[in-house]
C-alpha atoms as a PDB file:
ATOM      1  CA  MET A   1     -16.484  24.604   0.462  1.00  0.00           C
ATOM      2  CA  LEU A   2     -14.750  24.812   3.840  1.00  0.00           C
ATOM      3  CA  TRP A   3     -18.048  25.966   5.359  1.00  0.00           C
ATOM      4  CA  LEU A   4     -19.779  22.916   3.859  1.00  0.00           C
ATOM      5  CA  ASN A   5     -17.131  20.533   5.203  1.00  0.00           C
ATOM      6  CA  ASN A   6     -17.281  22.066   8.686  1.00  0.00           C
ATOM      7  CA  SER A   7     -21.094  22.045   8.716  1.00  0.00           C
ATOM      8  CA  SER A   8     -21.152  18.424   7.546  1.00  0.00           C
ATOM      9  CA  ALA A   9     -18.648  17.433  10.224  1.00  0.00           C
ATOM     10  CA  VAL A  10     -20.648  19.097  13.010  1.00  0.00           C
ATOM     11  CA  ILE A  11     -23.963  17.568  11.922  1.00  0.00           C
ATOM     12  CA  LEU A  12     -22.373  14.166  11.329  1.00  0.00           C
ATOM     13  CA  THR A  13     -20.709  14.248  14.750  1.00  0.00           C
ATOM     14  CA  ALA A  14     -24.015  15.067  16.464  1.00  0.00           C
ATOM     15  CA  LEU A  15     -25.708  12.255  14.534  1.00  0.00           C
ATOM     16  CA  VAL A  16     -23.173   9.540  15.320  1.00  0.00           C
ATOM     17  CA  VAL A  17     -22.913  10.490  18.997  1.00  0.00           C
ATOM     18  CA  ALA A  18     -26.720  10.433  19.343  1.00  0.00           C
ATOM     19  CA  VAL A  19     -26.996   7.096  17.531  1.00  0.00           C
ATOM     20  CA  ALA A  20     -24.162   5.556  19.572  1.00  0.00           C
ATOM     21  CA  ILE A  21     -25.803   6.571  22.854  1.00  0.00           C
ATOM     22  CA  PHE A  22     -29.192   5.309  21.684  1.00  0.00           C
ATOM     23  CA  ASP A  23     -27.690   2.024  20.416  1.00  0.00           C
ATOM     24  CA  LEU A  24     -25.826   1.448  23.690  1.00  0.00           C
ATOM     25  CA  ARG A  25     -28.931   2.043  25.781  1.00  0.00           C
ATOM     26  CA  GLN A  26     -31.705   0.588  23.612  1.00  0.00           C
ATOM     27  CA  ARG A  27     -29.778  -1.772  21.287  1.00  0.00           C
ATOM     28  CA  ARG A  28     -31.470  -0.298  18.246  1.00  0.00           C
ATOM     29  CA  ILE A  29     -30.983   2.620  15.875  1.00  0.00           C
ATOM     30  CA  PRO A  30     -34.106   4.763  15.513  1.00  0.00           C
ATOM     31  CA  ASN A  31     -35.504   5.926  12.196  1.00  0.00           C
ATOM     32  CA  PHE A  32     -36.224   9.366  13.657  1.00  0.00           C
ATOM     33  CA  LEU A  33     -32.461   9.965  13.688  1.00  0.00           C
ATOM     34  CA  VAL A  34     -31.319   8.364  10.429  1.00  0.00           C
ATOM     35  CA  PHE A  35     -34.005   9.386   7.940  1.00  0.00           C
ATOM     36  CA  PRO A  36     -33.780  13.124   8.655  1.00  0.00           C
ATOM     37  CA  ALA A  37     -29.973  12.806   8.527  1.00  0.00           C
ATOM     38  CA  ILE A  38     -30.151  11.265   5.042  1.00  0.00           C
ATOM     39  CA  LEU A  39     -32.380  14.140   3.933  1.00  0.00           C
ATOM     40  CA  ILE A  40     -30.140  16.779   5.535  1.00  0.00           C
ATOM     41  CA  GLY A  41     -27.056  15.290   3.864  1.00  0.00           C
ATOM     42  CA  LEU A  42     -28.759  15.335   0.471  1.00  0.00           C
ATOM     43  CA  ILE A  43     -30.065  18.887   0.911  1.00  0.00           C
ATOM     44  CA  LEU A  44     -26.793  20.250   2.266  1.00  0.00           C
ATOM     45  CA  HIS A  45     -24.684  18.846  -0.574  1.00  0.00           C
ATOM     46  CA  SER A  46     -27.272  19.786  -3.189  1.00  0.00           C
ATOM     47  CA  ALA A  47     -27.569  23.352  -1.934  1.00  0.00           C
ATOM     48  CA  PHE A  48     -23.834  23.994  -2.028  1.00  0.00           C
ATOM     49  CA  GLY A  49     -22.747  21.613  -4.782  1.00  0.00           C
ATOM     50  CA  GLY A  50     -25.698  21.579  -7.150  1.00  0.00           C
ATOM     51  CA  LEU A  51     -26.229  18.409  -9.132  1.00  0.00           C
ATOM     52  CA  GLY A  52     -22.655  17.317  -8.407  1.00  0.00           C
ATOM     53  CA  GLY A  53     -23.275  17.661  -4.667  1.00  0.00           C
ATOM     54  CA  PHE A  54     -26.548  15.765  -4.924  1.00  0.00           C
ATOM     55  CA  LEU A  55     -24.812  12.930  -6.795  1.00  0.00           C
ATOM     56  CA  PHE A  56     -21.960  12.954  -4.246  1.00  0.00           C
ATOM     57  CA  ALA A  57     -24.448  12.354  -1.415  1.00  0.00           C
ATOM     58  CA  LEU A  58     -26.512   9.875  -3.440  1.00  0.00           C
ATOM     59  CA  LYS A  59     -23.441   7.780  -4.258  1.00  0.00           C
ATOM     60  CA  GLY A  60     -22.554   7.690  -0.558  1.00  0.00           C
ATOM     61  CA  ILE A  61     -26.061   6.579   0.349  1.00  0.00           C
ATOM     62  CA  GLY A  62     -26.110   3.913  -2.361  1.00  0.00           C
ATOM     63  CA  LEU A  63     -22.680   2.526  -1.541  1.00  0.00           C
ATOM     64  CA  GLY A  64     -23.486   2.539   2.179  1.00  0.00           C
ATOM     65  CA  PHE A  65     -26.557   0.452   1.395  1.00  0.00           C
ATOM     66  CA  GLY A  66     -24.603  -1.862  -0.905  1.00  0.00           C
ATOM     67  CA  LEU A  67     -21.776  -2.470   1.563  1.00  0.00           C
ATOM     68  CA  LEU A  68     -24.111  -3.772   4.257  1.00  0.00           C
ATOM     69  CA  LEU A  69     -26.829  -5.403   2.161  1.00  0.00           C
ATOM     70  CA  ILE A  70     -25.317  -8.892   2.186  1.00  0.00           C
ATOM     71  CA  PRO A  71     -24.592  -8.921   5.946  1.00  0.00           C
ATOM     72  CA  TYR A  72     -28.168  -7.699   6.489  1.00  0.00           C
ATOM     73  CA  LEU A  73     -29.610 -10.414   4.241  1.00  0.00           C
ATOM     74  CA  MET A  74     -27.531 -12.997   6.117  1.00  0.00           C
ATOM     75  CA  LYS A  75     -29.082 -11.662   9.357  1.00  0.00           C
ATOM     76  CA  SER A  76     -25.703 -10.741  10.823  1.00  0.00           C
ATOM     77  CA  MET A  77     -26.835  -7.156  11.322  1.00  0.00           C
ATOM     78  CA  LYS A  78     -30.057  -5.235  11.598  1.00  0.00           C
ATOM     79  CA  ALA A  79     -31.681  -2.741   9.236  1.00  0.00           C
ATOM     80  CA  GLY A  80     -30.889   0.150  11.577  1.00  0.00           C
ATOM     81  CA  ASP A  81     -27.176  -0.383  10.994  1.00  0.00           C
ATOM     82  CA  VAL A  82     -27.715  -0.294   7.236  1.00  0.00           C
ATOM     83  CA  LYS A  83     -29.774   2.900   7.423  1.00  0.00           C
ATOM     84  CA  PHE A  84     -27.200   4.462   9.747  1.00  0.00           C
ATOM     85  CA  VAL A  85     -24.407   3.799   7.231  1.00  0.00           C
ATOM     86  CA  MET A  86     -26.590   5.222   4.464  1.00  0.00           C
ATOM     87  CA  ALA A  87     -27.059   8.415   6.519  1.00  0.00           C
ATOM     88  CA  ILE A  88     -23.313   8.700   7.043  1.00  0.00           C
ATOM     89  CA  GLY A  89     -22.798   8.152   3.303  1.00  0.00           C
ATOM     90  CA  ALA A  90     -25.037  11.146   2.606  1.00  0.00           C
ATOM     91  CA  PHE A  91     -22.418  13.297   4.324  1.00  0.00           C
ATOM     92  CA  THR A  92     -19.196  11.543   3.331  1.00  0.00           C
ATOM     93  CA  GLY A  93     -19.882  10.408  -0.226  1.00  0.00           C
ATOM     94  CA  ALA A  94     -18.790   7.071  -1.688  1.00  0.00           C
ATOM     95  CA  THR A  95     -15.070   7.310  -0.944  1.00  0.00           C
ATOM     96  CA  GLY A  96     -15.753   8.566   2.552  1.00  0.00           C
ATOM     97  CA  ILE A  97     -18.145   5.740   3.412  1.00  0.00           C
ATOM     98  CA  VAL A  98     -15.608   3.148   2.260  1.00  0.00           C
ATOM     99  CA  ARG A  99     -13.036   4.709   4.586  1.00  0.00           C
ATOM    100  CA  VAL A 100     -15.567   4.871   7.437  1.00  0.00           C
ATOM    101  CA  MET A 101     -16.396   1.181   7.020  1.00  0.00           C
ATOM    102  CA  LEU A 102     -12.737   0.107   6.849  1.00  0.00           C
ATOM    103  CA  ILE A 103     -12.074   1.920  10.112  1.00  0.00           C
ATOM    104  CA  THR A 104     -15.296   0.526  11.595  1.00  0.00           C
ATOM    105  CA  PHE A 105     -14.221  -3.027  10.803  1.00  0.00           C
ATOM    106  CA  LEU A 106     -10.920  -2.300  12.558  1.00  0.00           C
ATOM    107  CA  CYS A 107     -12.715  -0.865  15.632  1.00  0.00           C
ATOM    108  CA  TYR A 108     -15.351  -3.584  15.931  1.00  0.00           C
ATOM    109  CA  PRO A 109     -13.155  -6.433  17.273  1.00  0.00           C
ATOM    110  CA  LEU A 110     -11.897  -4.212  20.089  1.00  0.00           C
ATOM    111  CA  LEU A 111     -15.448  -3.198  20.987  1.00  0.00           C
ATOM    112  CA  ALA A 112     -16.603  -6.829  20.818  1.00  0.00           C
ATOM    113  CA  ALA A 113     -13.764  -7.914  23.114  1.00  0.00           C
ATOM    114  CA  VAL A 114     -14.720  -5.247  25.657  1.00  0.00           C
ATOM    115  CA  VAL A 115     -18.371  -6.364  25.569  1.00  0.00           C
ATOM    116  CA  VAL A 116     -17.452 -10.053  25.928  1.00  0.00           C
ATOM    117  CA  VAL A 117     -15.236  -9.349  28.947  1.00  0.00           C
ATOM    118  CA  ARG A 118     -17.771  -6.948  30.481  1.00  0.00           C
ATOM    119  CA  GLU A 119     -20.597  -9.475  30.148  1.00  0.00           C
ATOM    120  CA  ARG A 120     -18.300 -12.252  31.485  1.00  0.00           C
ATOM    121  CA  LYS A 121     -18.876 -14.445  28.448  1.00  0.00           C
ATOM    122  CA  LEU A 122     -15.276 -15.041  27.442  1.00  0.00           C
ATOM    123  CA  ARG A 123     -15.468 -18.827  27.847  1.00  0.00           C
ATOM    124  CA  VAL A 124     -18.718 -19.343  25.917  1.00  0.00           C
ATOM    125  CA  THR A 125     -17.625 -16.903  23.192  1.00  0.00           C
ATOM    126  CA  GLY A 126     -14.278 -18.669  22.820  1.00  0.00           C
ATOM    127  CA  LEU A 127     -15.990 -22.052  22.610  1.00  0.00           C
ATOM    128  CA  ARG A 128     -18.473 -20.875  19.967  1.00  0.00           C
ATOM    129  CA  PHE A 129     -15.781 -19.112  17.964  1.00  0.00           C
ATOM    130  CA  ARG A 130     -13.632 -22.278  17.933  1.00  0.00           C
ATOM    131  CA  ARG A 131     -16.659 -24.367  16.947  1.00  0.00           C
ATOM    132  CA  ILE A 132     -17.398 -22.114  13.960  1.00  0.00           C
ATOM    133  CA  LEU A 133     -13.735 -22.013  12.979  1.00  0.00           C
ATOM    134  CA  PHE A 134     -13.276 -25.785  13.092  1.00  0.00           C
ATOM    135  CA  ASN A 135     -16.564 -26.356  11.263  1.00  0.00           C
ATOM    136  CA  PHE A 136     -15.235 -24.134   8.486  1.00  0.00           C
ATOM    137  CA  LEU A 137     -11.780 -25.734   8.491  1.00  0.00           C
ATOM    138  CA  GLY A 138     -13.470 -29.154   8.509  1.00  0.00           C
ATOM    139  CA  PHE A 139     -14.470 -28.429   4.938  1.00  0.00           C
ATOM    140  CA  PHE A 140     -10.786 -28.675   4.006  1.00  0.00           C
ATOM    141  CA  LEU A 141      -9.624 -31.170   6.648  1.00  0.00           C
ATOM    142  CA  PRO A 142     -12.515 -33.510   7.559  1.00  0.00           C
ATOM    143  CA  GLY A 143     -10.892 -34.566  10.830  1.00  0.00           C
ATOM    144  CA  LEU A 144     -11.431 -31.079  12.199  1.00  0.00           C
ATOM    145  CA  LYS A 145     -15.187 -31.490  11.712  1.00  0.00           C
ATOM    146  CA  LEU A 146     -15.097 -34.161  14.447  1.00  0.00           C
ATOM    147  CA  TYR A 147     -13.416 -31.712  16.805  1.00  0.00           C
ATOM    148  CA  ALA A 148     -16.131 -29.153  15.996  1.00  0.00           C
ATOM    149  CA  LEU A 149     -18.797 -31.727  16.893  1.00  0.00           C
ATOM    150  CA  ARG A 150     -17.068 -32.384  20.219  1.00  0.00           C
ATOM    151  CA  LEU A 151     -17.037 -28.624  20.904  1.00  0.00           C
ATOM    152  CA  GLU A 152     -20.735 -28.459  20.031  1.00  0.00           C
ATOM    153  CA  SER A 153     -21.523 -31.088  22.657  1.00  0.00           C
ATOM    154  CA  GLN A 154     -19.788 -28.913  25.297  1.00  0.00           C
ATOM    155  CA  ASP A 155     -21.834 -25.818  24.434  1.00  0.00           C
ATOM    156  CA  ASP A 156     -24.721 -24.805  26.664  1.00  0.00           C
ATOM    157  CA  GLU A 157     -27.293 -23.365  24.238  1.00  0.00           C
ATOM    158  CA  THR A 158     -29.270 -21.842  27.107  1.00  0.00           C
ATOM    159  CA  VAL A 159     -26.474 -19.307  27.666  1.00  0.00           C
ATOM    160  CA  ALA A 160     -26.959 -16.337  25.353  1.00  0.00           C
ATOM    161  CA  SER A 161     -24.016 -14.996  23.397  1.00  0.00           C
ATOM    162  CA  ALA A 162     -22.705 -11.525  24.071  1.00  0.00           C
ATOM    163  CA  THR A 163     -24.215  -8.951  21.738  1.00  0.00           C
ATOM    164  CA  THR A 164     -22.256  -5.969  20.502  1.00  0.00           C
ATOM    165  CA  PRO A 165     -23.965  -2.768  19.348  1.00  0.00           C
ATOM    166  CA  PHE A 166     -22.504  -2.357  15.848  1.00  0.00           C
ATOM    167  CA  GLY A 167     -23.776   1.226  15.705  1.00  0.00           C
ATOM    168  CA  VAL A 168     -21.160   2.177  18.306  1.00  0.00           C
ATOM    169  CA  ALA A 169     -18.385   0.771  16.107  1.00  0.00           C
ATOM    170  CA  ILE A 170     -19.823   2.636  13.104  1.00  0.00           C
ATOM    171  CA  ALA A 171     -19.880   5.842  15.154  1.00  0.00           C
ATOM    172  CA  ALA A 172     -16.255   5.335  16.229  1.00  0.00           C
ATOM    173  CA  GLY A 173     -15.222   4.636  12.640  1.00  0.00           C
ATOM    174  CA  THR A 174     -17.008   7.773  11.485  1.00  0.00           C
ATOM    175  CA  LEU A 175     -15.419  10.005  14.105  1.00  0.00           C
ATOM    176  CA  ILE A 176     -11.931   8.634  13.442  1.00  0.00           C
ATOM    177  CA  SER A 177     -12.455   9.069   9.707  1.00  0.00           C
ATOM    178  CA  THR A 178     -13.815  12.604  10.106  1.00  0.00           C
ATOM    179  CA  TYR A 179     -11.214  13.972  12.489  1.00  0.00           C
ATOM    180  CA  THR A 180      -8.017  12.100  11.563  1.00  0.00           C
ATOM    181  CA  GLY A 181      -6.125  11.214   8.426  1.00  0.00           C
ATOM    182  CA  PHE A 182      -6.207   7.511   9.301  1.00  0.00           C
ATOM    183  CA  LEU A 183      -6.350   5.377   6.117  1.00  0.00           C
ATOM    184  CA  LYS A 184      -6.793   8.516   4.015  1.00  0.00           C
ATOM    185  CA  SER A 185      -3.801   7.612   1.848  1.00  0.00           C
ATOM    186  CA  LEU A 186      -5.484   4.335   0.843  1.00  0.00           C
ATOM    187  CA  LEU A 187      -8.436   6.030  -0.849  1.00  0.00           C
END
């Protein structure tokens, strides 16, 4: 099984590095990378683990899909991100994909902050974040809704928000999960 784990780690590393580079440059995750990876993960685990290995990979794929389905339906992420997580799940299984996503969600704010500073959109991002926050809090304290409306009047809608390639955060979460014991004791 050590050979299987090492082979999975090497293939998974190549996949996430390729996807991260592609996502940084093109701002999309191509099917020609993720679909073969899903198939390779299924075949690899099936060949060395039989039905149990096949189910291991299938559970990872299914849970990867399930974890990102709602954000995808809410249009907060694209289908490429969902397929990318499914491909990773084919290698890591269900428990592994949960760990990858927990680490990803810890990495993402740092990546987003770097992108916001790099694109020089700190002011507009701060304004829009406060507007969303006070709109939400206005549900509980109606006076805050008025503050959110005032913030909305200050926003220049012609200025685009900074966009962060989520695939890079997923890749970082995968690499940290694969090569460290971070959060391993939780799962």
